[in-house]
Structure formats: structure tokens, C-alpha cells
Amino acid sequence: MSVEWIGYGYAALVASGGIIGYVKAGSVPSLAAGLLFGSLAGLGAYQMSQDPKNVWISLVASGTLTGVMGMRFFNTGKFMPAGLIAGASLLMLGRIGMKMLQKPHQP
């Protein structure tokens, strides 16, 4: 059983983005969304650490953030924070997709 370090790092990035948005701009919605989706990503990373095929919470969290932040990046053209989170979420989606396609290891 391996620890899902990349998933935990992604969760920390999302949560810290919400905190930074609150500190810099006083945005309570950024704080709430960052902590909610960061927590979901952290829970998903924990579940994937326990069972590598249990990807559904991570898939929903990263998929939602890819769509929402991708649209925000498309509309504003600003890389920070929308482009960064959209890109990281898209990479996480690709990683989860690869995990879904992997065959289980034989002991």
C-alpha cells in the first residue's frame, strides 16, 4: 500500500489557494471553495492510498475544478489563480485516468 503523495500535494495546493484568495482579496467564497475542494481532494488521496482503484472522490473534485477554473481562465485570461488550478486539476484528472486503466499488480 503506497501513500498518494501527489494527491495530498494537489489537495494542499487547492486549499492554500483558497486561503491565499481570502488573505489577499478578502474573498470568503474563495476560502470556502478552496477548503471544501481541498478537503475533498485530501479525502480522495486518502482513499486512493488505501485502495488505488477507489478514485471517485478525487475524480469528482479534480473534474469539477478543471471545468470551473478552466472556464474562469478562458473568460479572464489570468493564469493566477484560475489557470494554475485548472492546469493542476487537468493533470490530476490525467493521472487518475491512468490509474483507472492500470491492471492490478499480482503479488
PDB file of N, CA and C in Angstrom:
ATOM      1  N   MET A   1       0.849  -1.167   0.000  1.00  0.00           N
ATOM      2  CA  MET A   1       0.000   0.000   0.000  1.00  0.00           C
ATOM      3  C   MET A   1       0.904   1.242   0.000  1.00  0.00           C
ATOM      4  N   SER A   2       0.746   2.093  -0.999  1.00  0.00           N
ATOM      5  CA  SER A   2       1.579   3.287  -1.116  1.00  0.00           C
ATOM      6  C   SER A   2       0.762   4.544  -0.795  1.00  0.00           C
ATOM      7  N   VAL A   3       1.454   5.527  -0.290  1.00  0.00           N
ATOM      8  CA  VAL A   3       0.808   6.793   0.060  1.00  0.00           C
ATOM      9  C   VAL A   3       0.675   7.625  -1.216  1.00  0.00           C
ATOM     10  N   GLU A   4      -0.453   8.250  -1.379  1.00  0.00           N
ATOM     11  CA  GLU A   4      -0.765   9.058  -2.558  1.00  0.00           C
ATOM     12  C   GLU A   4      -0.240  10.484  -2.360  1.00  0.00           C
ATOM     13  N   TRP A   5       1.092  10.650  -2.427  1.00  0.00           N
ATOM     14  CA  TRP A   5       1.718  11.941  -2.155  1.00  0.00           C
ATOM     15  C   TRP A   5       1.297  13.016  -3.147  1.00  0.00           C
ATOM     16  N   ILE A   6       1.158  12.665  -4.405  1.00  0.00           N
ATOM     17  CA  ILE A   6       0.765  13.658  -5.412  1.00  0.00           C
ATOM     18  C   ILE A   6      -0.650  14.167  -5.123  1.00  0.00           C
ATOM     19  N   GLY A   7      -1.528  13.272  -4.732  1.00  0.00           N
ATOM     20  CA  GLY A   7      -2.891  13.668  -4.378  1.00  0.00           C
ATOM     21  C   GLY A   7      -2.939  14.580  -3.174  1.00  0.00           C
ATOM     22  N   TYR A   8      -2.116  14.291  -2.171  1.00  0.00           N
ATOM     23  CA  TYR A   8      -2.060  15.158  -0.995  1.00  0.00           C
ATOM     24  C   TYR A   8      -1.480  16.528  -1.355  1.00  0.00           C
ATOM     25  N   GLY A   9      -0.484  16.540  -2.218  1.00  0.00           N
ATOM     26  CA  GLY A   9       0.085  17.812  -2.664  1.00  0.00           C
ATOM     27  C   GLY A   9      -0.928  18.646  -3.425  1.00  0.00           C
ATOM     28  N   TYR A  10      -1.708  17.983  -4.280  1.00  0.00           N
ATOM     29  CA  TYR A  10      -2.767  18.663  -5.022  1.00  0.00           C
ATOM     30  C   TYR A  10      -3.806  19.238  -4.055  1.00  0.00           C
ATOM     31  N   ALA A  11      -4.183  18.464  -3.044  1.00  0.00           N
ATOM     32  CA  ALA A  11      -5.155  18.938  -2.046  1.00  0.00           C
ATOM     33  C   ALA A  11      -4.614  20.161  -1.310  1.00  0.00           C
ATOM     34  N   ALA A  12      -3.336  20.127  -0.964  1.00  0.00           N
ATOM     35  CA  ALA A  12      -2.730  21.269  -0.279  1.00  0.00           C
ATOM     36  C   ALA A  12      -2.694  22.498  -1.178  1.00  0.00           C
ATOM     37  N   LEU A  13      -2.408  22.303  -2.464  1.00  0.00           N
ATOM     38  CA  LEU A  13      -2.401  23.417  -3.415  1.00  0.00           C
ATOM     39  C   LEU A  13      -3.774  24.070  -3.505  1.00  0.00           C
ATOM     40  N   VAL A  14      -4.822  23.263  -3.606  1.00  0.00           N
ATOM     41  CA  VAL A  14      -6.183  23.793  -3.724  1.00  0.00           C
ATOM     42  C   VAL A  14      -6.585  24.530  -2.447  1.00  0.00           C
ATOM     43  N   ALA A  15      -6.336  23.917  -1.302  1.00  0.00           N
ATOM     44  CA  ALA A  15      -6.711  24.551  -0.036  1.00  0.00           C
ATOM     45  C   ALA A  15      -5.921  25.841   0.190  1.00  0.00           C
ATOM     46  N   SER A  16      -4.628  25.811  -0.091  1.00  0.00           N
ATOM     47  CA  SER A  16      -3.824  27.029   0.106  1.00  0.00           C
ATOM     48  C   SER A  16      -4.236  28.129  -0.863  1.00  0.00           C
ATOM     49  N   GLY A  17      -4.680  27.760  -2.058  1.00  0.00           N
ATOM     50  CA  GLY A  17      -5.190  28.760  -2.999  1.00  0.00           C
ATOM     51  C   GLY A  17      -6.407  29.478  -2.453  1.00  0.00           C
ATOM     52  N   GLY A  18      -7.294  28.746  -1.803  1.00  0.00           N
ATOM     53  CA  GLY A  18      -8.458  29.375  -1.186  1.00  0.00           C
ATOM     54  C   GLY A  18      -8.077  30.292  -0.042  1.00  0.00           C
ATOM     55  N   ILE A  19      -7.109  29.859   0.751  1.00  0.00           N
ATOM     56  CA  ILE A  19      -6.645  30.675   1.877  1.00  0.00           C
ATOM     57  C   ILE A  19      -5.973  31.949   1.368  1.00  0.00           C
ATOM     58  N   ILE A  20      -5.137  31.814   0.357  1.00  0.00           N
ATOM     59  CA  ILE A  20      -4.459  32.990  -0.212  1.00  0.00           C
ATOM     60  C   ILE A  20      -5.470  33.960  -0.819  1.00  0.00           C
ATOM     61  N   GLY A  21      -6.483  33.427  -1.503  1.00  0.00           N
ATOM     62  CA  GLY A  21      -7.534  34.281  -2.054  1.00  0.00           C
ATOM     63  C   GLY A  21      -8.254  35.068  -0.982  1.00  0.00           C
ATOM     64  N   TYR A  22      -8.452  34.437   0.164  1.00  0.00           N
ATOM     65  CA  TYR A  22      -9.104  35.138   1.275  1.00  0.00           C
ATOM     66  C   TYR A  22      -8.186  36.206   1.871  1.00  0.00           C
ATOM     67  N   VAL A  23      -6.913  35.871   2.064  1.00  0.00           N
ATOM     68  CA  VAL A  23      -5.980  36.811   2.676  1.00  0.00           C
ATOM     69  C   VAL A  23      -5.744  38.023   1.774  1.00  0.00           C
ATOM     70  N   LYS A  24      -5.556  37.783   0.471  1.00  0.00           N
ATOM     71  CA  LYS A  24      -5.237  38.880  -0.450  1.00  0.00           C
ATOM     72  C   LYS A  24      -6.448  39.734  -0.808  1.00  0.00           C
ATOM     73  N   ALA A  25      -7.595  39.092  -1.027  1.00  0.00           N
ATOM     74  CA  ALA A  25      -8.747  39.841  -1.524  1.00  0.00           C
ATOM     75  C   ALA A  25      -9.930  39.849  -0.570  1.00  0.00           C
ATOM     76  N   GLY A  26      -9.817  39.145   0.546  1.00  0.00           N
ATOM     77  CA  GLY A  26     -10.938  39.079   1.471  1.00  0.00           C
ATOM     78  C   GLY A  26     -12.102  38.276   0.936  1.00  0.00           C
ATOM     79  N   SER A  27     -11.833  37.355   0.016  1.00  0.00           N
ATOM     80  CA  SER A  27     -12.884  36.598  -0.655  1.00  0.00           C
ATOM     81  C   SER A  27     -13.286  35.372   0.165  1.00  0.00           C
ATOM     82  N   VAL A  28     -14.431  35.474   0.819  1.00  0.00           N
ATOM     83  CA  VAL A  28     -14.952  34.344   1.589  1.00  0.00           C
ATOM     84  C   VAL A  28     -15.335  33.178   0.671  1.00  0.00           C
ATOM     85  N   PRO A  29     -15.929  33.430  -0.524  1.00  0.00           N
ATOM     86  CA  PRO A  29     -16.212  32.300  -1.422  1.00  0.00           C
ATOM     87  C   PRO A  29     -14.935  31.537  -1.837  1.00  0.00           C
ATOM     88  N   SER A  30     -13.825  32.248  -2.043  1.00  0.00           N
ATOM     89  CA  SER A  30     -12.574  31.579  -2.373  1.00  0.00           C
ATOM     90  C   SER A  30     -12.115  30.693  -1.225  1.00  0.00           C
ATOM     91  N   LEU A  31     -12.227  31.210  -0.019  1.00  0.00           N
ATOM     92  CA  LEU A  31     -11.842  30.440   1.157  1.00  0.00           C
ATOM     93  C   LEU A  31     -12.703  29.190   1.286  1.00  0.00           C
ATOM     94  N   ALA A  32     -14.019  29.368   1.172  1.00  0.00           N
ATOM     95  CA  ALA A  32     -14.935  28.237   1.323  1.00  0.00           C
ATOM     96  C   ALA A  32     -14.700  27.189   0.239  1.00  0.00           C
ATOM     97  N   ALA A  33     -14.603  27.627  -1.022  1.00  0.00           N
ATOM     98  CA  ALA A  33     -14.401  26.687  -2.122  1.00  0.00           C
ATOM     99  C   ALA A  33     -13.041  26.003  -2.020  1.00  0.00           C
ATOM    100  N   GLY A  34     -12.010  26.767  -1.670  1.00  0.00           N
ATOM    101  CA  GLY A  34     -10.680  26.187  -1.544  1.00  0.00           C
ATOM    102  C   GLY A  34     -10.622  25.127  -0.460  1.00  0.00           C
ATOM    103  N   LEU A  35     -11.215  25.432   0.693  1.00  0.00           N
ATOM    104  CA  LEU A  35     -11.194  24.460   1.781  1.00  0.00           C
ATOM    105  C   LEU A  35     -12.092  23.260   1.487  1.00  0.00           C
ATOM    106  N   LEU A  36     -13.242  23.483   0.847  1.00  0.00           N
ATOM    107  CA  LEU A  36     -14.126  22.376   0.501  1.00  0.00           C
ATOM    108  C   LEU A  36     -13.453  21.436  -0.496  1.00  0.00           C
ATOM    109  N   PHE A  37     -12.971  21.997  -1.605  1.00  0.00           N
ATOM    110  CA  PHE A  37     -12.377  21.145  -2.634  1.00  0.00           C
ATOM    111  C   PHE A  37     -11.016  20.599  -2.205  1.00  0.00           C
ATOM    112  N   GLY A  38     -10.279  21.349  -1.388  1.00  0.00           N
ATOM    113  CA  GLY A  38      -9.035  20.827  -0.841  1.00  0.00           C
ATOM    114  C   GLY A  38      -9.291  19.640   0.076  1.00  0.00           C
ATOM    115  N   SER A  39     -10.345  19.740   0.889  1.00  0.00           N
ATOM    116  CA  SER A  39     -10.714  18.631   1.770  1.00  0.00           C
ATOM    117  C   SER A  39     -11.165  17.417   0.970  1.00  0.00           C
ATOM    118  N   LEU A  40     -11.970  17.655  -0.065  1.00  0.00           N
ATOM    119  CA  LEU A  40     -12.400  16.536  -0.916  1.00  0.00           C
ATOM    120  C   LEU A  40     -11.210  15.874  -1.602  1.00  0.00           C
ATOM    121  N   ALA A  41     -10.285  16.678  -2.091  1.00  0.00           N
ATOM    122  CA  ALA A  41      -9.101  16.121  -2.741  1.00  0.00           C
ATOM    123  C   ALA A  41      -8.248  15.357  -1.732  1.00  0.00           C
ATOM    124  N   GLY A  42      -8.151  15.860  -0.510  1.00  0.00           N
ATOM    125  CA  GLY A  42      -7.412  15.153   0.535  1.00  0.00           C
ATOM    126  C   GLY A  42      -8.068  13.833   0.907  1.00  0.00           C
ATOM    127  N   LEU A  43      -9.394  13.835   1.010  1.00  0.00           N
ATOM    128  CA  LEU A  43     -10.119  12.596   1.283  1.00  0.00           C
ATOM    129  C   LEU A  43      -9.925  11.606   0.137  1.00  0.00           C
ATOM    130  N   GLY A  44      -9.983  12.113  -1.085  1.00  0.00           N
ATOM    131  CA  GLY A  44      -9.756  11.246  -2.237  1.00  0.00           C
ATOM    132  C   GLY A  44      -8.351  10.663  -2.246  1.00  0.00           C
ATOM    133  N   ALA A  45      -7.357  11.462  -1.867  1.00  0.00           N
ATOM    134  CA  ALA A  45      -5.982  10.969  -1.790  1.00  0.00           C
ATOM    135  C   ALA A  45      -5.853   9.898  -0.719  1.00  0.00           C
ATOM    136  N   TYR A  46      -6.520  10.103   0.403  1.00  0.00           N
ATOM    137  CA  TYR A  46      -6.508   9.095   1.465  1.00  0.00           C
ATOM    138  C   TYR A  46      -7.131   7.789   0.975  1.00  0.00           C
ATOM    139  N   GLN A  47      -8.280   7.906   0.297  1.00  0.00           N
ATOM    140  CA  GLN A  47      -8.933   6.696  -0.212  1.00  0.00           C
ATOM    141  C   GLN A  47      -8.072   5.984  -1.244  1.00  0.00           C
ATOM    142  N   MET A  48      -7.395   6.752  -2.091  1.00  0.00           N
ATOM    143  CA  MET A  48      -6.518   6.133  -3.087  1.00  0.00           C
ATOM    144  C   MET A  48      -5.292   5.512  -2.433  1.00  0.00           C
ATOM    145  N   SER A  49      -4.870   6.030  -1.282  1.00  0.00           N
ATOM    146  CA  SER A  49      -3.767   5.415  -0.545  1.00  0.00           C
ATOM    147  C   SER A  49      -4.188   4.063   0.020  1.00  0.00           C
ATOM    148  N   GLN A  50      -5.442   3.956   0.423  1.00  0.00           N
ATOM    149  CA  GLN A  50      -5.959   2.706   0.970  1.00  0.00           C
ATOM    150  C   GLN A  50      -6.246   1.683  -0.124  1.00  0.00           C
ATOM    151  N   ASP A  51      -6.835   2.150  -1.230  1.00  0.00           N
ATOM    152  CA  ASP A  51      -7.189   1.289  -2.362  1.00  0.00           C
ATOM    153  C   ASP A  51      -6.981   2.091  -3.642  1.00  0.00           C
ATOM    154  N   PRO A  52      -5.943   1.778  -4.432  1.00  0.00           N
ATOM    155  CA  PRO A  52      -5.631   2.575  -5.627  1.00  0.00           C
ATOM    156  C   PRO A  52      -6.768   2.659  -6.656  1.00  0.00           C
ATOM    157  N   LYS A  53      -7.731   1.764  -6.582  1.00  0.00           N
ATOM    158  CA  LYS A  53      -8.855   1.811  -7.524  1.00  0.00           C
ATOM    159  C   LYS A  53     -10.023   2.659  -7.020  1.00  0.00           C
ATOM    160  N   ASN A  54      -9.949   3.168  -5.795  1.00  0.00           N
ATOM    161  CA  ASN A  54     -11.012   3.988  -5.221  1.00  0.00           C
ATOM    162  C   ASN A  54     -10.740   5.452  -5.559  1.00  0.00           C
ATOM    163  N   VAL A  55     -11.079   5.829  -6.793  1.00  0.00           N
ATOM    164  CA  VAL A  55     -10.693   7.131  -7.331  1.00  0.00           C
ATOM    165  C   VAL A  55     -11.845   8.122  -7.445  1.00  0.00           C
ATOM    166  N   TRP A  56     -13.039   7.753  -7.045  1.00  0.00           N
ATOM    167  CA  TRP A  56     -14.220   8.527  -7.416  1.00  0.00           C
ATOM    168  C   TRP A  56     -14.278   9.913  -6.799  1.00  0.00           C
ATOM    169  N   ILE A  57     -13.930  10.071  -5.541  1.00  0.00           N
ATOM    170  CA  ILE A  57     -13.969  11.405  -4.925  1.00  0.00           C
ATOM    171  C   ILE A  57     -12.909  12.303  -5.554  1.00  0.00           C
ATOM    172  N   SER A  58     -11.721  11.758  -5.774  1.00  0.00           N
ATOM    173  CA  SER A  58     -10.664  12.530  -6.443  1.00  0.00           C
ATOM    174  C   SER A  58     -11.083  12.909  -7.856  1.00  0.00           C
ATOM    175  N   LEU A  59     -11.740  11.990  -8.529  1.00  0.00           N
ATOM    176  CA  LEU A  59     -12.187  12.238  -9.895  1.00  0.00           C
ATOM    177  C   LEU A  59     -13.219  13.370  -9.933  1.00  0.00           C
ATOM    178  N   VAL A  60     -14.165  13.354  -9.021  1.00  0.00           N
ATOM    179  CA  VAL A  60     -15.201  14.396  -8.981  1.00  0.00           C
ATOM    180  C   VAL A  60     -14.592  15.759  -8.618  1.00  0.00           C
ATOM    181  N   ALA A  61     -13.721  15.770  -7.605  1.00  0.00           N
ATOM    182  CA  ALA A  61     -13.131  17.044  -7.169  1.00  0.00           C
ATOM    183  C   ALA A  61     -12.269  17.655  -8.271  1.00  0.00           C
ATOM    184  N   SER A  62     -11.371  16.873  -8.845  1.00  0.00           N
ATOM    185  CA  SER A  62     -10.486  17.423  -9.872  1.00  0.00           C
ATOM    186  C   SER A  62     -11.249  17.721 -11.164  1.00  0.00           C
ATOM    187  N   GLY A  63     -12.239  16.929 -11.483  1.00  0.00           N
ATOM    188  CA  GLY A  63     -13.045  17.193 -12.676  1.00  0.00           C
ATOM    189  C   GLY A  63     -13.845  18.476 -12.555  1.00  0.00           C
ATOM    190  N   THR A  64     -14.439  18.693 -11.401  1.00  0.00           N
ATOM    191  CA  THR A  64     -15.207  19.915 -11.167  1.00  0.00           C
ATOM    192  C   THR A  64     -14.295  21.143 -11.228  1.00  0.00           C
ATOM    193  N   LEU A  65     -13.143  21.045 -10.565  1.00  0.00           N
ATOM    194  CA  LEU A  65     -12.220  22.183 -10.588  1.00  0.00           C
ATOM    195  C   LEU A  65     -11.655  22.437 -11.982  1.00  0.00           C
ATOM    196  N   THR A  66     -11.425  21.380 -12.753  1.00  0.00           N
ATOM    197  CA  THR A  66     -10.955  21.569 -14.126  1.00  0.00           C
ATOM    198  C   THR A  66     -11.977  22.376 -14.921  1.00  0.00           C
ATOM    199  N   GLY A  67     -13.242  21.997 -14.802  1.00  0.00           N
ATOM    200  CA  GLY A  67     -14.289  22.700 -15.540  1.00  0.00           C
ATOM    201  C   GLY A  67     -14.494  24.132 -15.083  1.00  0.00           C
ATOM    202  N   VAL A  68     -14.660  24.320 -13.782  1.00  0.00           N
ATOM    203  CA  VAL A  68     -14.964  25.651 -13.250  1.00  0.00           C
ATOM    204  C   VAL A  68     -13.786  26.607 -13.447  1.00  0.00           C
ATOM    205  N   MET A  69     -12.600  26.174 -13.032  1.00  0.00           N
ATOM    206  CA  MET A  69     -11.448  27.065 -13.138  1.00  0.00           C
ATOM    207  C   MET A  69     -10.978  27.200 -14.594  1.00  0.00           C
ATOM    208  N   GLY A  70     -11.207  26.182 -15.392  1.00  0.00           N
ATOM    209  CA  GLY A  70     -10.888  26.287 -16.815  1.00  0.00           C
ATOM    210  C   GLY A  70     -11.742  27.347 -17.501  1.00  0.00           C
ATOM    211  N   MET A  71     -13.020  27.368 -17.171  1.00  0.00           N
ATOM    212  CA  MET A  71     -13.902  28.398 -17.726  1.00  0.00           C
ATOM    213  C   MET A  71     -13.513  29.787 -17.221  1.00  0.00           C
ATOM    214  N   ARG A  72     -13.152  29.878 -15.956  1.00  0.00           N
ATOM    215  CA  ARG A  72     -12.729  31.170 -15.408  1.00  0.00           C
ATOM    216  C   ARG A  72     -11.452  31.649 -16.107  1.00  0.00           C
ATOM    217  N   PHE A  73     -10.503  30.736 -16.328  1.00  0.00           N
ATOM    218  CA  PHE A  73      -9.269  31.089 -17.032  1.00  0.00           C
ATOM    219  C   PHE A  73      -9.572  31.508 -18.469  1.00  0.00           C
ATOM    220  N   PHE A  74     -10.463  30.782 -19.129  1.00  0.00           N
ATOM    221  CA  PHE A  74     -10.842  31.101 -20.506  1.00  0.00           C
ATOM    222  C   PHE A  74     -11.485  32.485 -20.592  1.00  0.00           C
ATOM    223  N   ASN A  75     -12.320  32.815 -19.620  1.00  0.00           N
ATOM    224  CA  ASN A  75     -13.027  34.100 -19.645  1.00  0.00           C
ATOM    225  C   ASN A  75     -12.151  35.280 -19.254  1.00  0.00           C
ATOM    226  N   THR A  76     -11.238  35.081 -18.300  1.00  0.00           N
ATOM    227  CA  THR A  76     -10.421  36.206 -17.823  1.00  0.00           C
ATOM    228  C   THR A  76      -9.043  36.255 -18.453  1.00  0.00           C
ATOM    229  N   GLY A  77      -8.502  35.112 -18.845  1.00  0.00           N
ATOM    230  CA  GLY A  77      -7.153  35.050 -19.383  1.00  0.00           C
ATOM    231  C   GLY A  77      -6.070  35.176 -18.331  1.00  0.00           C
ATOM    232  N   LYS A  78      -6.444  35.206 -17.056  1.00  0.00           N
ATOM    233  CA  LYS A  78      -5.476  35.343 -15.970  1.00  0.00           C
ATOM    234  C   LYS A  78      -5.011  33.964 -15.526  1.00  0.00           C
ATOM    235  N   PHE A  79      -3.689  33.782 -15.519  1.00  0.00           N
ATOM    236  CA  PHE A  79      -3.152  32.488 -15.112  1.00  0.00           C
ATOM    237  C   PHE A  79      -3.324  32.246 -13.618  1.00  0.00           C
ATOM    238  N   MET A  80      -3.162  33.307 -12.836  1.00  0.00           N
ATOM    239  CA  MET A  80      -3.275  33.145 -11.383  1.00  0.00           C
ATOM    240  C   MET A  80      -4.634  33.642 -10.926  1.00  0.00           C
ATOM    241  N   PRO A  81      -5.374  32.898 -10.198  1.00  0.00           N
ATOM    242  CA  PRO A  81      -5.164  31.517  -9.792  1.00  0.00           C
ATOM    243  C   PRO A  81      -5.847  30.505 -10.705  1.00  0.00           C
ATOM    244  N   ALA A  82      -6.746  31.001 -11.576  1.00  0.00           N
ATOM    245  CA  ALA A  82      -7.594  30.078 -12.338  1.00  0.00           C
ATOM    246  C   ALA A  82      -6.798  29.148 -13.249  1.00  0.00           C
ATOM    247  N   GLY A  83      -5.837  29.676 -13.972  1.00  0.00           N
ATOM    248  CA  GLY A  83      -5.060  28.848 -14.893  1.00  0.00           C
ATOM    249  C   GLY A  83      -4.228  27.814 -14.169  1.00  0.00           C
ATOM    250  N   LEU A  84      -3.652  28.192 -13.040  1.00  0.00           N
ATOM    251  CA  LEU A  84      -2.838  27.260 -12.264  1.00  0.00           C
ATOM    252  C   LEU A  84      -3.679  26.104 -11.738  1.00  0.00           C
ATOM    253  N   ILE A  85      -4.810  26.414 -11.137  1.00  0.00           N
ATOM    254  CA  ILE A  85      -5.670  25.364 -10.570  1.00  0.00           C
ATOM    255  C   ILE A  85      -6.274  24.514 -11.690  1.00  0.00           C
ATOM    256  N   ALA A  86      -6.669  25.147 -12.800  1.00  0.00           N
ATOM    257  CA  ALA A  86      -7.213  24.376 -13.927  1.00  0.00           C
ATOM    258  C   ALA A  86      -6.162  23.429 -14.487  1.00  0.00           C
ATOM    259  N   GLY A  87      -4.935  23.906 -14.636  1.00  0.00           N
ATOM    260  CA  GLY A  87      -3.864  23.056 -15.150  1.00  0.00           C
ATOM    261  C   GLY A  87      -3.526  21.918 -14.206  1.00  0.00           C
ATOM    262  N   ALA A  88      -3.405  22.223 -12.915  1.00  0.00           N
ATOM    263  CA  ALA A  88      -3.111  21.177 -11.932  1.00  0.00           C
ATOM    264  C   ALA A  88      -4.247  20.158 -11.867  1.00  0.00           C
ATOM    265  N   SER A  89      -5.479  20.639 -11.970  1.00  0.00           N
ATOM    266  CA  SER A  89      -6.636  19.739 -11.933  1.00  0.00           C
ATOM    267  C   SER A  89      -6.677  18.855 -13.171  1.00  0.00           C
ATOM    268  N   LEU A  90      -6.332  19.425 -14.319  1.00  0.00           N
ATOM    269  CA  LEU A  90      -6.299  18.637 -15.547  1.00  0.00           C
ATOM    270  C   LEU A  90      -5.217  17.558 -15.469  1.00  0.00           C
ATOM    271  N   LEU A  91      -4.065  17.908 -14.922  1.00  0.00           N
ATOM    272  CA  LEU A  91      -3.007  16.905 -14.734  1.00  0.00           C
ATOM    273  C   LEU A  91      -3.458  15.813 -13.764  1.00  0.00           C
ATOM    274  N   MET A  92      -4.159  16.213 -12.724  1.00  0.00           N
ATOM    275  CA  MET A  92      -4.663  15.226 -11.759  1.00  0.00           C
ATOM    276  C   MET A  92      -5.699  14.316 -12.410  1.00  0.00           C
ATOM    277  N   LEU A  93      -6.551  14.872 -13.261  1.00  0.00           N
ATOM    278  CA  LEU A  93      -7.518  14.045 -13.993  1.00  0.00           C
ATOM    279  C   LEU A  93      -6.800  13.016 -14.855  1.00  0.00           C
ATOM    280  N   GLY A  94      -5.749  13.448 -15.551  1.00  0.00           N
ATOM    281  CA  GLY A  94      -4.985  12.519 -16.374  1.00  0.00           C
ATOM    282  C   GLY A  94      -4.348  11.426 -15.541  1.00  0.00           C
ATOM    283  N   ARG A  95      -3.818  11.788 -14.395  1.00  0.00           N
ATOM    284  CA  ARG A  95      -3.196  10.799 -13.511  1.00  0.00           C
ATOM    285  C   ARG A  95      -4.236   9.797 -13.001  1.00  0.00           C
ATOM    286  N   ILE A  96      -5.400  10.276 -12.629  1.00  0.00           N
ATOM    287  CA  ILE A  96      -6.463   9.390 -12.154  1.00  0.00           C
ATOM    288  C   ILE A  96      -6.906   8.466 -13.285  1.00  0.00           C
ATOM    289  N   GLY A  97      -7.023   9.014 -14.501  1.00  0.00           N
ATOM    290  CA  GLY A  97      -7.380   8.187 -15.650  1.00  0.00           C
ATOM    291  C   GLY A  97      -6.374   7.079 -15.889  1.00  0.00           C
ATOM    292  N   MET A  98      -5.099   7.386 -15.736  1.00  0.00           N
ATOM    293  CA  MET A  98      -4.068   6.358 -15.904  1.00  0.00           C
ATOM    294  C   MET A  98      -4.187   5.286 -14.819  1.00  0.00           C
ATOM    295  N   LYS A  99      -4.498   5.698 -13.593  1.00  0.00           N
ATOM    296  CA  LYS A  99      -4.685   4.729 -12.514  1.00  0.00           C
ATOM    297  C   LYS A  99      -5.876   3.822 -12.800  1.00  0.00           C
ATOM    298  N   MET A 100      -6.923   4.389 -13.394  1.00  0.00           N
ATOM    299  CA  MET A 100      -8.104   3.587 -13.706  1.00  0.00           C
ATOM    300  C   MET A 100      -7.809   2.543 -14.782  1.00  0.00           C
ATOM    301  N   LEU A 101      -6.889   2.856 -15.671  1.00  0.00           N
ATOM    302  CA  LEU A 101      -6.578   1.938 -16.767  1.00  0.00           C
ATOM    303  C   LEU A 101      -5.530   0.879 -16.404  1.00  0.00           C
ATOM    304  N   GLN A 102      -4.799   1.102 -15.294  1.00  0.00           N
ATOM    305  CA  GLN A 102      -3.777   0.147 -14.894  1.00  0.00           C
ATOM    306  C   GLN A 102      -4.395  -1.174 -14.457  1.00  0.00           C
ATOM    307  N   LYS A 103      -3.683  -2.233 -14.800  1.00  0.00           N
ATOM    308  CA  LYS A 103      -4.094  -3.553 -14.313  1.00  0.00           C
ATOM    309  C   LYS A 103      -3.552  -3.716 -12.911  1.00  0.00           C
ATOM    310  N   PRO A 104      -4.275  -4.441 -12.060  1.00  0.00           N
ATOM    311  CA  PRO A 104      -3.780  -4.650 -10.697  1.00  0.00           C
ATOM    312  C   PRO A 104      -2.495  -5.474 -10.708  1.00  0.00           C
ATOM    313  N   HIS A 105      -1.616  -5.162  -9.754  1.00  0.00           N
ATOM    314  CA  HIS A 105      -0.360  -5.904  -9.646  1.00  0.00           C
ATOM    315  C   HIS A 105      -0.630  -7.262  -9.025  1.00  0.00           C
ATOM    316  N   GLN A 106       0.039  -8.266  -9.545  1.00  0.00           N
ATOM    317  CA  GLN A 106      -0.061  -9.613  -8.986  1.00  0.00           C
ATOM    318  C   GLN A 106       1.019  -9.783  -7.920  1.00  0.00           C
ATOM    319  N   PRO A 107       0.680 -10.276  -6.736  1.00  0.00           N
ATOM    320  CA  PRO A 107       1.697 -10.440  -5.677  1.00  0.00           C
ATOM    321  C   PRO A 107       2.663 -11.568  -5.985  1.00  0.00           C
TER     322      PRO A 107
END
